[in-house]
Amino acid sequence: MDTAIVYLAIQLLFMYMWWTTARFDPEHMLTTRPYLQYYLLGAILLVLTPFTPEQWQLYLLMGVVFVDFFALLFESNNFNREFKQRHIPFKISESLLERYGQFTMIVLGESIANLVELFEDGLTVKSTLTFLLLIISTMALWWLYYSLMDDIEVNEPNYQGLVFFRGLHINFILFLTLACFFLMELGHHSTTTSRYGYLLSLALTLITLTAMVFSHQNNHIKRRSLLTTGGLFCIGLGLCAFLPRYPMLIVIDGLLITACVYRERNILRSQMTN
């Protein structure tokens, strides 16, 4: 019940924001009205949640998430019309990309902060080695993400393309968070779940990142090169599944650093060619 009340408060806050948007800029009513309708439906579901049997409450909460999350996609045609009427380009702004980068920085920063906990039992050779291997993975992911995202410009023919890109980045942050969680678990103890969980979440993180930048690069690096690098990396991650913890981390660090250096090399070559 407490969860439903918190979600209801957030839901009402979003409804107020959409209402004020339409109030102070009536031209936004075309796209604002559907949001109010979807969020009103979600608010009704949240009000009903505490009064339904416990086994149905989770389904109602999932219904609210579904309605809220897909509201943007459901009314994408309205956004297409408004953008064309107001001559707004179908483009992800630099400020939005910067906010995505800030979310990513928070996740990676928290991962680095958590790795310091490895020294709670004192400074030993084992804890130092583990820390170095894990911190290299985190910093390499940091380097690779900003190197790739700093070189893109997202222009799409319609609003659905923008929604797809945003969805990719949301999933990227989720996969990255999962990878950082399993990375921390590997720092404390090696289990089959932590090893395979890290490999799978890392693969999903890199696949999602590649999908985001694949067709939006400013420096026109050959797509075949990007796909080849990604394919070889995935093969390397697959082979890591058969290695113990420390050899696995060493191989992953080597793969990530190689990918970063190879990426920078291709950018420099592309700039020199142009």
Protein backbone atom coordinates (compact mmCIF):
# COMPACT_ATOMS: atom_id res chain seq x y z
CA MET A 1 0.00 0.00 0.00
CA ASP A 2 2.85 2.38 0.84
CA THR A 3 4.37 1.75 -2.59
CA ALA A 4 1.09 2.60 -4.32
CA ILE A 5 0.81 5.87 -2.35
CA VAL A 6 4.35 6.92 -3.31
CA TYR A 7 3.71 6.08 -6.98
CA LEU A 8 0.40 7.99 -6.83
CA ALA A 9 2.17 11.10 -5.52
CA ILE A 10 4.70 10.89 -8.35
CA GLN A 11 1.90 10.27 -10.85
CA LEU A 12 0.01 13.37 -9.71
CA LEU A 13 3.20 15.42 -9.92
CA PHE A 14 3.70 14.40 -13.55
CA MET A 15 0.06 15.19 -14.32
CA TYR A 16 0.52 18.65 -12.81
CA MET A 17 3.62 19.23 -14.95
CA TRP A 18 1.80 18.24 -18.15
CA TRP A 19 -1.21 20.38 -17.20
CA THR A 20 0.94 23.47 -16.58
CA THR A 21 2.75 22.87 -19.88
CA ALA A 22 -0.55 23.05 -21.78
CA ARG A 23 -1.77 25.95 -19.68
CA PHE A 24 1.19 28.22 -20.38
CA ASP A 25 1.71 27.05 -23.98
CA PRO A 26 -1.64 25.99 -25.52
CA GLU A 27 0.12 24.95 -28.73
CA HIS A 28 1.38 21.91 -26.82
CA MET A 29 -2.17 20.70 -26.18
CA LEU A 30 -1.98 18.30 -29.14
CA THR A 31 0.68 16.22 -27.39
CA THR A 32 -0.14 17.09 -23.77
CA ARG A 33 -3.77 15.94 -23.70
CA PRO A 34 -2.95 12.26 -24.41
CA TYR A 35 -0.35 12.31 -21.63
CA LEU A 36 -2.93 13.60 -19.17
CA GLN A 37 -5.32 10.86 -20.27
CA TYR A 38 -2.74 8.09 -19.90
CA TYR A 39 -1.50 9.36 -16.55
CA LEU A 40 -5.06 9.78 -15.29
CA LEU A 41 -5.67 6.12 -16.13
CA GLY A 42 -2.49 5.22 -14.25
CA ALA A 43 -3.60 7.29 -11.24
CA ILE A 44 -6.95 5.47 -11.15
CA LEU A 45 -5.13 2.11 -11.17
CA LEU A 46 -2.95 3.29 -8.29
CA VAL A 47 -5.99 4.40 -6.28
CA LEU A 48 -7.55 0.96 -6.81
CA THR A 49 -4.38 -0.94 -5.89
CA PRO A 50 -4.73 -0.85 -2.05
CA PHE A 51 -8.32 -2.11 -2.31
CA THR A 52 -7.58 -5.11 -4.53
CA PRO A 53 -6.49 -8.59 -3.37
CA GLU A 54 -2.78 -8.81 -2.69
CA GLN A 55 -2.12 -11.25 -5.54
CA TRP A 56 -3.45 -8.66 -8.03
CA GLN A 57 -1.64 -5.60 -6.70
CA LEU A 58 1.62 -6.34 -8.52
CA TYR A 59 -0.24 -6.67 -11.83
CA LEU A 60 -1.92 -3.30 -11.31
CA LEU A 61 1.44 -1.66 -10.58
CA MET A 62 2.90 -3.26 -13.71
CA GLY A 63 -0.09 -1.92 -15.65
CA VAL A 64 0.70 1.59 -14.42
CA VAL A 65 4.33 1.24 -15.51
CA PHE A 66 3.19 -0.06 -18.90
CA VAL A 67 0.76 2.84 -19.44
CA ASP A 68 3.27 5.48 -18.35
CA PHE A 69 6.23 4.05 -20.25
CA PHE A 70 4.42 3.44 -23.52
CA ALA A 71 2.42 6.67 -23.47
CA LEU A 72 5.27 8.29 -25.38
CA LEU A 73 5.15 5.62 -28.07
CA PHE A 74 1.36 5.49 -28.25
CA GLU A 75 1.10 9.16 -29.13
CA SER A 76 4.17 9.41 -31.35
CA ASN A 77 1.97 10.31 -34.33
CA ASN A 78 0.80 13.40 -32.44
CA PHE A 79 4.42 14.38 -31.90
CA ASN A 80 5.09 13.88 -35.61
CA ARG A 81 2.27 16.31 -36.41
CA GLU A 82 3.35 18.90 -33.84
CA PHE A 83 7.00 18.79 -34.84
CA LYS A 84 6.08 19.30 -38.49
CA GLN A 85 3.61 22.09 -37.70
CA ARG A 86 6.15 23.94 -35.55
CA HIS A 87 9.11 23.11 -37.84
CA ILE A 88 11.00 21.34 -35.03
CA PRO A 89 13.73 18.96 -36.24
CA PHE A 90 13.54 15.32 -35.18
CA LYS A 91 16.77 15.47 -33.23
CA ILE A 92 18.08 14.47 -29.80
CA SER A 93 19.40 17.70 -28.28
CA GLU A 94 22.91 18.00 -26.88
CA SER A 95 21.45 18.84 -23.46
CA LEU A 96 19.52 15.54 -23.40
CA LEU A 97 22.63 13.60 -24.44
CA GLU A 98 24.49 15.39 -21.65
CA ARG A 99 21.86 14.30 -19.11
CA TYR A 100 22.16 10.71 -20.33
CA GLY A 101 25.90 11.04 -19.82
CA GLN A 102 25.33 12.30 -16.28
CA PHE A 103 23.18 9.26 -15.44
CA THR A 104 25.92 7.02 -16.82
CA MET A 105 28.53 8.91 -14.80
CA ILE A 106 26.49 8.38 -11.63
CA VAL A 107 26.31 4.62 -12.22
CA LEU A 108 30.03 4.30 -12.97
CA GLY A 109 30.95 6.66 -10.13
CA GLU A 110 28.95 4.60 -7.64
CA SER A 111 30.67 1.48 -8.95
CA ILE A 112 34.10 2.99 -8.30
CA ALA A 113 33.03 4.12 -4.82
CA ASN A 114 31.77 0.63 -3.98
CA LEU A 115 35.03 -0.96 -5.08
CA VAL A 116 36.81 0.83 -2.23
CA GLU A 117 34.92 -1.52 0.13
CA LEU A 118 37.33 -4.25 -0.96
CA PHE A 119 39.86 -2.75 1.48
CA GLU A 120 37.56 -3.00 4.51
CA ASP A 121 39.52 -6.00 5.79
CA GLY A 122 42.86 -4.31 5.26
CA LEU A 123 45.32 -3.73 2.44
CA THR A 124 46.49 -7.08 1.08
CA VAL A 125 48.01 -8.26 -2.17
CA LYS A 126 44.79 -10.08 -3.07
CA SER A 127 42.51 -7.11 -2.37
CA THR A 128 44.84 -4.75 -4.26
CA LEU A 129 44.99 -7.05 -7.30
CA THR A 130 41.22 -7.49 -7.30
CA PHE A 131 40.68 -3.73 -6.98
CA LEU A 132 43.03 -2.96 -9.88
CA LEU A 133 41.39 -5.50 -12.18
CA LEU A 134 37.90 -4.23 -11.39
CA ILE A 135 38.78 -0.53 -11.55
CA ILE A 136 40.37 -1.01 -14.97
CA SER A 137 37.13 -2.56 -16.26
CA THR A 138 35.08 0.33 -14.89
CA MET A 139 37.38 3.04 -16.25
CA ALA A 140 37.57 1.33 -19.65
CA LEU A 141 33.76 1.26 -19.86
CA TRP A 142 33.76 4.94 -18.91
CA TRP A 143 36.31 5.73 -21.63
CA LEU A 144 34.51 3.70 -24.29
CA TYR A 145 31.08 5.19 -23.54
CA TYR A 146 32.17 8.83 -23.71
CA SER A 147 34.39 8.23 -26.72
CA LEU A 148 31.45 6.78 -28.65
CA MET A 149 28.73 9.15 -27.41
CA ASP A 150 30.88 12.24 -27.99
CA ASP A 151 30.95 11.41 -31.69
CA ILE A 152 27.23 11.05 -32.47
CA GLU A 153 24.44 13.28 -33.70
CA VAL A 154 20.96 11.77 -33.52
CA ASN A 155 18.71 12.91 -36.38
CA GLU A 156 15.69 10.80 -37.27
CA PRO A 157 12.97 10.99 -39.96
CA ASN A 158 10.18 10.79 -37.35
CA TYR A 159 9.48 10.82 -33.63
CA GLN A 160 9.43 7.02 -33.40
CA GLY A 161 13.16 7.04 -34.13
CA LEU A 162 13.78 9.39 -31.20
CA VAL A 163 11.69 7.18 -28.91
CA PHE A 164 13.70 4.14 -30.03
CA PHE A 165 17.01 5.86 -29.25
CA ARG A 166 15.79 6.95 -25.82
CA GLY A 167 14.60 3.42 -25.11
CA LEU A 168 18.01 2.07 -26.08
CA HIS A 169 19.77 4.42 -23.70
CA ILE A 170 17.40 3.61 -20.83
CA ASN A 171 18.13 -0.08 -21.35
CA PHE A 172 21.85 0.69 -21.63
CA ILE A 173 21.80 2.30 -18.17
CA LEU A 174 19.86 -0.66 -16.76
CA PHE A 175 22.33 -3.18 -18.23
CA LEU A 176 25.29 -1.07 -17.07
CA THR A 177 23.88 -0.94 -13.54
CA LEU A 178 23.49 -4.71 -13.60
CA ALA A 179 27.06 -5.15 -14.87
CA CYS A 180 28.40 -2.91 -12.09
CA PHE A 181 26.43 -4.92 -9.52
CA PHE A 182 27.88 -8.24 -10.68
CA LEU A 183 31.33 -6.65 -10.92
CA MET A 184 31.11 -5.75 -7.24
CA GLU A 185 29.92 -9.27 -6.43
CA LEU A 186 32.96 -10.66 -8.25
CA GLY A 187 35.17 -8.48 -6.07
CA HIS A 188 33.96 -10.21 -2.91
CA HIS A 189 33.53 -13.79 -4.07
CA SER A 190 33.48 -15.75 -7.31
CA THR A 191 30.32 -17.75 -7.98
CA THR A 192 28.84 -19.12 -11.17
CA THR A 193 25.99 -16.62 -10.90
CA SER A 194 28.26 -13.60 -10.44
CA ARG A 195 30.61 -14.63 -13.27
CA TYR A 196 27.93 -15.46 -15.81
CA GLY A 197 25.80 -12.52 -14.67
CA TYR A 198 28.69 -10.12 -15.25
CA LEU A 199 29.52 -11.56 -18.66
CA LEU A 200 25.89 -11.47 -19.83
CA SER A 201 25.17 -7.97 -18.52
CA LEU A 202 28.45 -6.66 -19.95
CA ALA A 203 27.62 -8.16 -23.36
CA LEU A 204 24.14 -6.59 -23.28
CA THR A 205 25.66 -3.25 -22.24
CA LEU A 206 28.09 -3.21 -25.16
CA ILE A 207 25.51 -4.46 -27.69
CA THR A 208 23.11 -1.69 -26.64
CA LEU A 209 25.88 0.91 -26.79
CA THR A 210 26.83 -0.24 -30.29
CA ALA A 211 23.20 -0.09 -31.41
CA MET A 212 22.95 3.52 -30.19
CA VAL A 213 25.98 4.80 -32.07
CA PHE A 214 25.89 2.50 -35.11
CA SER A 215 24.12 4.89 -37.51
CA HIS A 216 24.74 8.24 -35.79
CA GLN A 217 28.51 8.72 -35.96
CA ASN A 218 29.86 12.10 -37.08
CA ASN A 219 33.14 10.53 -38.16
CA HIS A 220 32.04 8.06 -40.80
CA ILE A 221 33.99 5.07 -39.58
CA LYS A 222 33.15 1.95 -41.53
CA ARG A 223 30.24 0.08 -40.01
CA ARG A 224 31.92 -3.17 -40.93
CA SER A 225 34.81 -2.22 -38.66
CA LEU A 226 32.44 -1.50 -35.77
CA LEU A 227 30.57 -4.77 -36.27
CA THR A 228 33.79 -6.77 -36.59
CA THR A 229 35.13 -5.29 -33.36
CA GLY A 230 31.85 -5.99 -31.56
CA GLY A 231 31.67 -9.54 -32.90
CA LEU A 232 35.21 -10.38 -31.83
CA PHE A 233 34.54 -8.84 -28.43
CA CYS A 234 31.43 -11.00 -27.92
CA ILE A 235 33.41 -14.10 -28.91
CA GLY A 236 36.04 -13.12 -26.36
CA LEU A 237 33.39 -12.72 -23.66
CA GLY A 238 32.00 -16.13 -24.56
CA LEU A 239 35.42 -17.72 -24.10
CA CYS A 240 35.77 -15.95 -20.75
CA ALA A 241 32.87 -18.05 -19.44
CA PHE A 242 35.27 -21.01 -19.21
CA LEU A 243 37.97 -19.13 -17.27
CA PRO A 244 38.43 -18.71 -13.50
CA ARG A 245 37.78 -15.30 -11.96
CA TYR A 246 41.17 -13.62 -12.25
CA PRO A 247 42.09 -14.83 -15.76
CA MET A 248 38.57 -13.84 -16.85
CA LEU A 249 38.97 -10.30 -15.47
CA ILE A 250 42.42 -9.95 -17.07
CA VAL A 251 41.05 -10.96 -20.49
CA ILE A 252 38.05 -8.61 -20.15
CA ASP A 253 40.31 -5.70 -19.16
CA GLY A 254 42.51 -6.41 -22.17
CA LEU A 255 39.50 -6.56 -24.50
CA LEU A 256 38.03 -3.31 -23.18
CA ILE A 257 41.31 -1.39 -23.37
CA THR A 258 41.95 -2.75 -26.87
CA ALA A 259 38.47 -1.63 -27.94
CA CYS A 260 39.11 1.87 -26.54
CA VAL A 261 42.49 2.24 -28.26
CA TYR A 262 41.16 0.80 -31.52
CA ARG A 263 38.24 3.25 -31.39
CA GLU A 264 40.52 6.26 -30.89
CA ARG A 265 42.79 5.04 -33.69
CA ASN A 266 39.86 4.82 -36.10
CA ILE A 267 38.64 8.31 -35.17
CA LEU A 268 42.08 9.81 -35.79
CA ARG A 269 42.36 7.99 -39.11
CA SER A 270 38.89 9.21 -40.14
CA GLN A 271 39.75 12.81 -39.21
CA MET A 272 43.02 12.68 -41.16
CA THR A 273 41.20 11.28 -44.21
CA ASN A 274 38.60 14.06 -44.10
